[in-house]
Amino acid sequence: MSISLADALEQVDLEPGRTYECEVRGRHVELHMFDERPPVRNRLPFATTPGLHEDDIRLDPWCELPSPPAVGWLVSELGESPPIDIPKIPTDEDME
């Protein structure tokens, strides 16, 4: 038999303003009881709200990647630059 979360919560005496925590099947569950409906940013993004709120976006890096190993060395030498390629501009006589 399967019971919905809403049906299960109706059987429990929950007080507004409190937070309840428990572990279900190895997962941490946290339930916040509000006196009234919370603002959109406090609800999960998969609710009926269109798109994500700016507070839901996480930009902090969650791990540091190691630097790649050195593959080899590159030795550079100074030398003369090749001559500049100047295009020939036709004169009026060349155009006729």
C-alpha atoms as a PDB file:
ATOM      1  CA  MET A   1       0.000   0.000   0.000  1.00  0.00           C
ATOM      2  CA  SER A   2       1.324   3.447  -0.923  1.00  0.00           C
ATOM      3  CA  ILE A   3       0.360   6.609   0.959  1.00  0.00           C
ATOM      4  CA  SER A   4       0.978  10.121  -0.383  1.00  0.00           C
ATOM      5  CA  LEU A   5       3.117  12.583   1.518  1.00  0.00           C
ATOM      6  CA  ALA A   6       0.169  14.951   1.990  1.00  0.00           C
ATOM      7  CA  ASP A   7      -1.940  12.125   3.497  1.00  0.00           C
ATOM      8  CA  ALA A   8       0.876  11.132   5.834  1.00  0.00           C
ATOM      9  CA  LEU A   9       1.439  14.724   7.000  1.00  0.00           C
ATOM     10  CA  GLU A  10      -2.277  15.219   7.720  1.00  0.00           C
ATOM     11  CA  GLN A  11      -2.044  12.442  10.320  1.00  0.00           C
ATOM     12  CA  VAL A  12       0.722  14.295  12.239  1.00  0.00           C
ATOM     13  CA  ASP A  13       0.256  17.280  14.553  1.00  0.00           C
ATOM     14  CA  LEU A  14       2.684  19.861  13.078  1.00  0.00           C
ATOM     15  CA  GLU A  15       3.147  23.329  14.585  1.00  0.00           C
ATOM     16  CA  PRO A  16       3.568  26.421  12.350  1.00  0.00           C
ATOM     17  CA  GLY A  17       6.973  28.089  12.573  1.00  0.00           C
ATOM     18  CA  ARG A  18       8.848  24.869  13.433  1.00  0.00           C
ATOM     19  CA  THR A  19      11.284  22.838  11.378  1.00  0.00           C
ATOM     20  CA  TYR A  20      11.215  19.043  11.504  1.00  0.00           C
ATOM     21  CA  GLU A  21      14.089  16.803  10.421  1.00  0.00           C
ATOM     22  CA  CYS A  22      14.311  13.039   9.971  1.00  0.00           C
ATOM     23  CA  GLU A  23      16.052  10.380   7.922  1.00  0.00           C
ATOM     24  CA  VAL A  24      14.052   8.321   5.421  1.00  0.00           C
ATOM     25  CA  ARG A  25      15.720   5.440   3.543  1.00  0.00           C
ATOM     26  CA  GLY A  26      19.153   6.934   4.187  1.00  0.00           C
ATOM     27  CA  ARG A  27      18.138  10.418   2.971  1.00  0.00           C
ATOM     28  CA  HIS A  28      17.931  13.558   5.104  1.00  0.00           C
ATOM     29  CA  VAL A  29      14.447  15.130   5.055  1.00  0.00           C
ATOM     30  CA  GLU A  30      13.712  18.630   6.336  1.00  0.00           C
ATOM     31  CA  LEU A  31      10.185  20.029   6.673  1.00  0.00           C
ATOM     32  CA  HIS A  32       9.559  23.744   7.311  1.00  0.00           C
ATOM     33  CA  MET A  33       6.118  24.681   8.610  1.00  0.00           C
ATOM     34  CA  PHE A  34       5.002  28.201   7.608  1.00  0.00           C
ATOM     35  CA  ASP A  35       2.065  30.224   8.944  1.00  0.00           C
ATOM     36  CA  GLU A  36       1.237  31.239   5.391  1.00  0.00           C
ATOM     37  CA  ARG A  37       2.428  30.362   1.879  1.00  0.00           C
ATOM     38  CA  PRO A  38       6.162  31.167   1.489  1.00  0.00           C
ATOM     39  CA  PRO A  39       7.477  33.411  -1.304  1.00  0.00           C
ATOM     40  CA  VAL A  40       8.329  31.768  -4.631  1.00  0.00           C
ATOM     41  CA  ARG A  41      12.080  31.683  -3.930  1.00  0.00           C
ATOM     42  CA  ASN A  42      11.587  29.359  -0.925  1.00  0.00           C
ATOM     43  CA  ARG A  43       9.811  26.713  -2.974  1.00  0.00           C
ATOM     44  CA  LEU A  44      11.566  24.079  -5.018  1.00  0.00           C
ATOM     45  CA  PRO A  45      12.248  24.928  -8.695  1.00  0.00           C
ATOM     46  CA  PHE A  46      10.163  21.989  -9.941  1.00  0.00           C
ATOM     47  CA  ALA A  47       6.999  23.494  -8.423  1.00  0.00           C
ATOM     48  CA  THR A  48       4.542  25.330 -10.651  1.00  0.00           C
ATOM     49  CA  THR A  49       6.749  28.449 -10.831  1.00  0.00           C
ATOM     50  CA  PRO A  50       8.223  29.223 -14.281  1.00  0.00           C
ATOM     51  CA  GLY A  51      12.032  29.136 -14.354  1.00  0.00           C
ATOM     52  CA  LEU A  52      14.574  29.379 -11.578  1.00  0.00           C
ATOM     53  CA  HIS A  53      15.037  32.163  -9.070  1.00  0.00           C
ATOM     54  CA  GLU A  54      18.448  33.841  -8.870  1.00  0.00           C
ATOM     55  CA  ASP A  55      18.978  32.460  -5.336  1.00  0.00           C
ATOM     56  CA  ASP A  56      18.637  28.888  -6.671  1.00  0.00           C
ATOM     57  CA  ILE A  57      21.731  29.216  -8.891  1.00  0.00           C
ATOM     58  CA  ARG A  58      24.966  28.092  -7.273  1.00  0.00           C
ATOM     59  CA  LEU A  59      28.131  29.597  -8.695  1.00  0.00           C
ATOM     60  CA  ASP A  60      30.594  28.479  -6.024  1.00  0.00           C
ATOM     61  CA  PRO A  61      33.048  25.790  -7.141  1.00  0.00           C
ATOM     62  CA  TRP A  62      32.367  22.493  -5.392  1.00  0.00           C
ATOM     63  CA  CYS A  63      35.789  20.935  -5.953  1.00  0.00           C
ATOM     64  CA  GLU A  64      39.303  21.846  -6.991  1.00  0.00           C
ATOM     65  CA  LEU A  65      40.778  20.100  -9.991  1.00  0.00           C
ATOM     66  CA  PRO A  66      44.494  19.259  -9.959  1.00  0.00           C
ATOM     67  CA  SER A  67      46.823  20.960 -12.413  1.00  0.00           C
ATOM     68  CA  PRO A  68      47.693  18.830 -15.450  1.00  0.00           C
ATOM     69  CA  PRO A  69      51.160  17.230 -15.425  1.00  0.00           C
ATOM     70  CA  ALA A  70      53.932  18.831 -17.481  1.00  0.00           C
ATOM     71  CA  VAL A  71      54.247  17.075 -20.850  1.00  0.00           C
ATOM     72  CA  GLY A  72      57.468  18.595 -22.132  1.00  0.00           C
ATOM     73  CA  TRP A  73      59.512  21.733 -22.589  1.00  0.00           C
ATOM     74  CA  LEU A  74      59.369  24.266 -25.384  1.00  0.00           C
ATOM     75  CA  VAL A  75      62.486  26.313 -26.061  1.00  0.00           C
ATOM     76  CA  SER A  76      62.028  29.554 -27.959  1.00  0.00           C
ATOM     77  CA  GLU A  77      64.702  31.612 -29.662  1.00  0.00           C
ATOM     78  CA  LEU A  78      64.694  35.241 -30.715  1.00  0.00           C
ATOM     79  CA  GLY A  79      65.241  35.872 -34.400  1.00  0.00           C
ATOM     80  CA  GLU A  80      64.528  38.310 -37.158  1.00  0.00           C
ATOM     81  CA  SER A  81      60.951  38.979 -38.106  1.00  0.00           C
ATOM     82  CA  PRO A  82      59.951  38.168 -41.689  1.00  0.00           C
ATOM     83  CA  PRO A  83      59.508  41.202 -43.942  1.00  0.00           C
ATOM     84  CA  ILE A  84      56.087  42.801 -44.017  1.00  0.00           C
ATOM     85  CA  ASP A  85      54.012  41.798 -47.036  1.00  0.00           C
ATOM     86  CA  ILE A  86      53.047  45.125 -48.608  1.00  0.00           C
ATOM     87  CA  PRO A  87      50.424  44.715 -51.310  1.00  0.00           C
ATOM     88  CA  LYS A  88      50.925  46.468 -54.626  1.00  0.00           C
ATOM     89  CA  ILE A  89      48.405  49.275 -55.025  1.00  0.00           C
ATOM     90  CA  PRO A  90      47.497  49.762 -58.678  1.00  0.00           C
ATOM     91  CA  THR A  91      47.793  53.237 -60.154  1.00  0.00           C
ATOM     92  CA  ASP A  92      45.322  54.851 -62.506  1.00  0.00           C
ATOM     93  CA  GLU A  93      47.537  53.832 -65.431  1.00  0.00           C
ATOM     94  CA  ASP A  94      47.399  50.164 -64.372  1.00  0.00           C
ATOM     95  CA  MET A  95      43.597  50.278 -64.259  1.00  0.00           C
ATOM     96  CA  GLU A  96      43.292  51.211 -67.969  1.00  0.00           C
END
